[in-house]
Amino acid sequence: MDGVGEWATTTIGQGRGNRIEILKELHFPHSLGLLYSAFTAYCGFRVNSGEYKLMGLAPYGAPKFVQAIYDHLLDLKPDGSFWLNLDYFAFLAA
């Protein structure tokens, strides 16, 4: 899982010997890394440089907005895949 690598944002694979078989991929713009960057920007930190600050602060917070995130921003599927509600993000804006 990462922001974006080529188009893949999440890759699940299985390694056997010297081979890796890709089992499933999620593609841009549906990315937990980009979601985290959006939260980083919302909190006033610079994207791609302030994420560590948010990670450091996370243990001091309370999970008050978890349900709101699931209700409005993130559609988590039973298989672990997810979709972002792109109405709330400007990744695709020119």
N, C-alpha and C. Protein backbone atom coordinates (compact mmCIF):
# COMPACT_ATOMS: atom_id res chain seq x y z
N MET A 1 0.86 -1.18 0.00
CA MET A 1 0.00 0.00 0.00
C MET A 1 0.89 1.22 0.00
N ASP A 2 0.54 2.17 -0.85
CA ASP A 2 1.31 3.39 -0.93
C ASP A 2 0.43 4.45 -1.58
N GLY A 3 1.02 5.61 -1.82
CA GLY A 3 0.28 6.67 -2.49
C GLY A 3 -0.10 6.24 -3.89
N VAL A 4 0.88 6.19 -4.77
CA VAL A 4 0.69 5.72 -6.14
C VAL A 4 2.03 5.19 -6.65
N GLY A 5 2.03 4.03 -7.25
CA GLY A 5 3.20 3.50 -7.92
C GLY A 5 2.75 3.10 -9.31
N GLU A 6 3.17 3.84 -10.34
CA GLU A 6 2.56 3.70 -11.66
C GLU A 6 1.07 4.00 -11.46
N TRP A 7 0.18 3.02 -11.61
CA TRP A 7 -1.24 3.24 -11.33
C TRP A 7 -1.70 2.47 -10.11
N ALA A 8 -0.94 1.46 -9.69
CA ALA A 8 -1.33 0.64 -8.55
C ALA A 8 -1.13 1.41 -7.25
N THR A 9 -2.10 1.32 -6.35
CA THR A 9 -2.00 1.95 -5.04
C THR A 9 -1.94 0.89 -3.94
N THR A 10 -2.51 -0.27 -4.21
CA THR A 10 -2.48 -1.40 -3.28
C THR A 10 -2.29 -2.66 -4.13
N THR A 11 -1.35 -3.48 -3.74
CA THR A 11 -1.10 -4.73 -4.47
C THR A 11 -1.03 -5.87 -3.47
N ILE A 12 -1.72 -6.94 -3.80
CA ILE A 12 -1.66 -8.16 -3.00
C ILE A 12 -1.07 -9.24 -3.90
N GLY A 13 -0.01 -9.86 -3.42
CA GLY A 13 0.65 -10.88 -4.22
C GLY A 13 1.04 -12.07 -3.36
N GLN A 14 1.46 -13.13 -4.04
CA GLN A 14 1.90 -14.33 -3.35
C GLN A 14 3.23 -14.75 -3.96
N GLY A 15 4.23 -14.93 -3.09
CA GLY A 15 5.53 -15.34 -3.55
C GLY A 15 5.75 -16.83 -3.36
N ARG A 16 6.33 -17.46 -4.39
CA ARG A 16 6.70 -18.88 -4.33
C ARG A 16 8.02 -19.01 -5.08
N GLY A 17 9.04 -19.49 -4.36
CA GLY A 17 10.34 -19.60 -4.99
C GLY A 17 10.82 -18.24 -5.43
N ASN A 18 11.14 -18.10 -6.71
CA ASN A 18 11.61 -16.81 -7.22
C ASN A 18 10.55 -16.09 -8.05
N ARG A 19 9.29 -16.43 -7.81
CA ARG A 19 8.19 -15.81 -8.56
C ARG A 19 7.21 -15.12 -7.60
N ILE A 20 6.63 -14.05 -8.09
CA ILE A 20 5.57 -13.36 -7.36
C ILE A 20 4.35 -13.28 -8.28
N GLU A 21 3.25 -13.79 -7.80
CA GLU A 21 2.00 -13.73 -8.55
C GLU A 21 1.13 -12.63 -7.96
N ILE A 22 0.76 -11.68 -8.79
CA ILE A 22 -0.14 -10.60 -8.36
C ILE A 22 -1.55 -11.17 -8.31
N LEU A 23 -2.17 -11.10 -7.12
CA LEU A 23 -3.51 -11.64 -6.94
C LEU A 23 -4.59 -10.58 -7.12
N LYS A 24 -4.28 -9.37 -6.68
CA LYS A 24 -5.29 -8.31 -6.73
C LYS A 24 -4.58 -6.96 -6.66
N GLU A 25 -5.13 -5.96 -7.34
CA GLU A 25 -4.60 -4.61 -7.27
C GLU A 25 -5.75 -3.61 -7.21
N LEU A 26 -5.50 -2.53 -6.51
CA LEU A 26 -6.37 -1.36 -6.55
C LEU A 26 -5.59 -0.26 -7.26
N HIS A 27 -6.28 0.60 -7.97
CA HIS A 27 -5.61 1.60 -8.79
C HIS A 27 -6.01 3.03 -8.41
N PHE A 28 -5.13 3.95 -8.79
CA PHE A 28 -5.38 5.38 -8.63
C PHE A 28 -6.76 5.70 -9.21
N PRO A 29 -7.51 6.53 -8.55
CA PRO A 29 -7.21 7.40 -7.43
C PRO A 29 -7.56 6.82 -6.05
N HIS A 30 -7.94 5.57 -5.99
CA HIS A 30 -8.33 4.97 -4.72
C HIS A 30 -7.08 4.50 -3.99
N SER A 31 -6.64 5.32 -3.03
CA SER A 31 -5.35 5.13 -2.38
C SER A 31 -5.41 5.54 -0.92
N LEU A 32 -5.01 4.63 -0.03
CA LEU A 32 -4.94 5.00 1.38
C LEU A 32 -3.82 6.01 1.62
N GLY A 33 -2.76 5.93 0.83
CA GLY A 33 -1.68 6.91 0.95
C GLY A 33 -2.15 8.30 0.61
N LEU A 34 -2.94 8.44 -0.45
CA LEU A 34 -3.47 9.75 -0.82
C LEU A 34 -4.51 10.23 0.19
N LEU A 35 -5.27 9.31 0.75
CA LEU A 35 -6.20 9.68 1.82
C LEU A 35 -5.43 10.24 3.01
N TYR A 36 -4.33 9.58 3.37
CA TYR A 36 -3.51 10.05 4.48
C TYR A 36 -2.90 11.42 4.16
N SER A 37 -2.48 11.61 2.91
CA SER A 37 -1.95 12.91 2.51
C SER A 37 -3.02 14.00 2.60
N ALA A 38 -4.27 13.65 2.27
CA ALA A 38 -5.36 14.62 2.38
C ALA A 38 -5.57 15.02 3.84
N PHE A 39 -5.50 14.06 4.75
CA PHE A 39 -5.61 14.38 6.18
C PHE A 39 -4.42 15.22 6.64
N THR A 40 -3.25 14.92 6.11
CA THR A 40 -2.06 15.70 6.44
C THR A 40 -2.25 17.16 6.06
N ALA A 41 -2.73 17.40 4.84
CA ALA A 41 -2.97 18.77 4.38
C ALA A 41 -4.06 19.44 5.20
N TYR A 42 -5.13 18.70 5.51
CA TYR A 42 -6.24 19.26 6.29
C TYR A 42 -5.76 19.73 7.66
N CYS A 43 -4.80 19.02 8.22
CA CYS A 43 -4.27 19.39 9.55
C CYS A 43 -3.23 20.49 9.47
N GLY A 44 -2.94 20.98 8.26
CA GLY A 44 -2.05 22.11 8.10
C GLY A 44 -0.59 21.76 7.84
N PHE A 45 -0.29 20.50 7.62
CA PHE A 45 1.08 20.09 7.32
C PHE A 45 1.26 19.95 5.81
N ARG A 46 2.52 20.03 5.37
CA ARG A 46 2.82 19.90 3.94
C ARG A 46 2.71 18.45 3.51
N VAL A 47 2.04 18.23 2.39
CA VAL A 47 1.92 16.89 1.82
C VAL A 47 3.30 16.42 1.35
N ASN A 48 3.56 15.15 1.54
CA ASN A 48 4.82 14.50 1.20
C ASN A 48 6.00 14.96 2.05
N SER A 49 5.71 15.62 3.15
CA SER A 49 6.78 15.93 4.10
C SER A 49 6.26 16.00 5.53
N GLY A 50 4.95 16.16 5.72
CA GLY A 50 4.41 16.29 7.06
C GLY A 50 3.69 15.07 7.58
N GLU A 51 3.63 14.00 6.79
CA GLU A 51 2.89 12.82 7.21
C GLU A 51 3.44 12.22 8.51
N TYR A 52 4.76 12.27 8.68
CA TYR A 52 5.35 11.72 9.90
C TYR A 52 4.86 12.46 11.14
N LYS A 53 4.58 13.74 11.00
CA LYS A 53 4.06 14.52 12.13
C LYS A 53 2.68 14.01 12.52
N LEU A 54 1.86 13.76 11.51
CA LEU A 54 0.52 13.24 11.78
C LEU A 54 0.59 11.86 12.44
N MET A 55 1.50 11.02 11.96
CA MET A 55 1.69 9.70 12.57
C MET A 55 2.13 9.84 14.02
N GLY A 56 3.01 10.79 14.29
CA GLY A 56 3.48 11.00 15.66
C GLY A 56 2.39 11.52 16.58
N LEU A 57 1.48 12.31 16.05
CA LEU A 57 0.39 12.86 16.86
C LEU A 57 -0.77 11.89 17.05
N ALA A 58 -0.91 10.92 16.15
CA ALA A 58 -2.06 10.01 16.14
C ALA A 58 -2.31 9.33 17.49
N PRO A 59 -1.30 8.84 18.22
CA PRO A 59 -1.58 8.16 19.48
C PRO A 59 -2.18 9.07 20.56
N TYR A 60 -2.06 10.38 20.37
CA TYR A 60 -2.58 11.32 21.36
C TYR A 60 -4.03 11.72 21.10
N GLY A 61 -4.58 11.30 19.96
CA GLY A 61 -5.94 11.67 19.61
C GLY A 61 -6.94 10.61 20.04
N ALA A 62 -8.19 10.91 19.81
CA ALA A 62 -9.28 9.97 20.06
C ALA A 62 -9.97 9.69 18.73
N PRO A 63 -10.39 8.47 18.49
CA PRO A 63 -11.00 8.13 17.19
C PRO A 63 -12.45 8.62 17.07
N LYS A 64 -12.66 9.92 17.24
CA LYS A 64 -14.00 10.48 17.23
C LYS A 64 -14.66 10.50 15.86
N PHE A 65 -13.87 10.50 14.80
CA PHE A 65 -14.42 10.69 13.46
C PHE A 65 -14.37 9.44 12.59
N VAL A 66 -14.10 8.29 13.18
CA VAL A 66 -14.00 7.05 12.41
C VAL A 66 -15.29 6.79 11.63
N GLN A 67 -16.42 6.88 12.27
CA GLN A 67 -17.69 6.60 11.59
C GLN A 67 -17.95 7.61 10.48
N ALA A 68 -17.62 8.87 10.70
CA ALA A 68 -17.81 9.89 9.66
C ALA A 68 -16.93 9.60 8.45
N ILE A 69 -15.72 9.10 8.69
CA ILE A 69 -14.84 8.74 7.58
C ILE A 69 -15.46 7.61 6.78
N TYR A 70 -15.95 6.57 7.46
CA TYR A 70 -16.59 5.46 6.77
C TYR A 70 -17.89 5.90 6.09
N ASP A 71 -18.63 6.79 6.70
CA ASP A 71 -19.90 7.24 6.14
C ASP A 71 -19.73 8.12 4.90
N HIS A 72 -18.65 8.92 4.86
CA HIS A 72 -18.53 9.93 3.81
C HIS A 72 -17.32 9.79 2.90
N LEU A 73 -16.20 9.29 3.39
CA LEU A 73 -14.97 9.32 2.61
C LEU A 73 -14.52 7.98 2.06
N LEU A 74 -14.75 6.91 2.80
CA LEU A 74 -14.15 5.62 2.47
C LEU A 74 -15.19 4.52 2.50
N ASP A 75 -15.29 3.80 1.40
CA ASP A 75 -16.19 2.65 1.32
C ASP A 75 -15.33 1.40 1.42
N LEU A 76 -15.30 0.79 2.59
CA LEU A 76 -14.50 -0.41 2.84
C LEU A 76 -15.33 -1.64 2.51
N LYS A 77 -14.81 -2.47 1.62
CA LYS A 77 -15.52 -3.67 1.18
C LYS A 77 -15.15 -4.87 2.06
N PRO A 78 -15.99 -5.91 2.12
CA PRO A 78 -15.71 -7.08 2.95
C PRO A 78 -14.40 -7.79 2.61
N ASP A 79 -13.94 -7.68 1.35
CA ASP A 79 -12.69 -8.34 0.97
C ASP A 79 -11.45 -7.50 1.29
N GLY A 80 -11.66 -6.33 1.93
CA GLY A 80 -10.54 -5.46 2.29
C GLY A 80 -10.24 -4.39 1.27
N SER A 81 -10.86 -4.48 0.10
CA SER A 81 -10.68 -3.41 -0.89
C SER A 81 -11.49 -2.19 -0.44
N PHE A 82 -11.24 -1.08 -1.08
CA PHE A 82 -11.90 0.17 -0.66
C PHE A 82 -12.02 1.10 -1.85
N TRP A 83 -12.94 2.02 -1.74
CA TRP A 83 -13.13 3.08 -2.72
C TRP A 83 -13.21 4.40 -1.98
N LEU A 84 -12.55 5.41 -2.48
CA LEU A 84 -12.68 6.75 -1.92
C LEU A 84 -13.87 7.44 -2.58
N ASN A 85 -14.59 8.24 -1.81
CA ASN A 85 -15.65 9.07 -2.37
C ASN A 85 -14.98 10.29 -2.98
N LEU A 86 -14.82 10.27 -4.29
CA LEU A 86 -14.04 11.30 -4.98
C LEU A 86 -14.70 12.66 -4.96
N ASP A 87 -15.94 12.76 -4.48
CA ASP A 87 -16.58 14.06 -4.32
C ASP A 87 -15.81 14.93 -3.32
N TYR A 88 -15.03 14.30 -2.44
CA TYR A 88 -14.34 15.02 -1.38
C TYR A 88 -12.86 15.26 -1.68
N PHE A 89 -12.36 14.83 -2.83
CA PHE A 89 -10.93 14.93 -3.12
C PHE A 89 -10.71 15.63 -4.45
N ALA A 90 -9.59 16.33 -4.55
CA ALA A 90 -9.27 17.06 -5.78
C ALA A 90 -8.11 16.43 -6.54
N PHE A 91 -7.84 15.13 -6.31
CA PHE A 91 -6.72 14.47 -6.99
C PHE A 91 -6.82 14.60 -8.51
N LEU A 92 -8.06 14.54 -9.02
CA LEU A 92 -8.26 14.48 -10.46
C LEU A 92 -8.47 15.85 -11.09
N ALA A 93 -8.49 16.90 -10.28
CA ALA A 93 -8.72 18.24 -10.80
C ALA A 93 -7.50 18.70 -11.60
N ALA A 94 -7.77 19.31 -12.72
CA ALA A 94 -6.66 19.78 -13.59
C ALA A 94 -6.13 21.10 -13.12
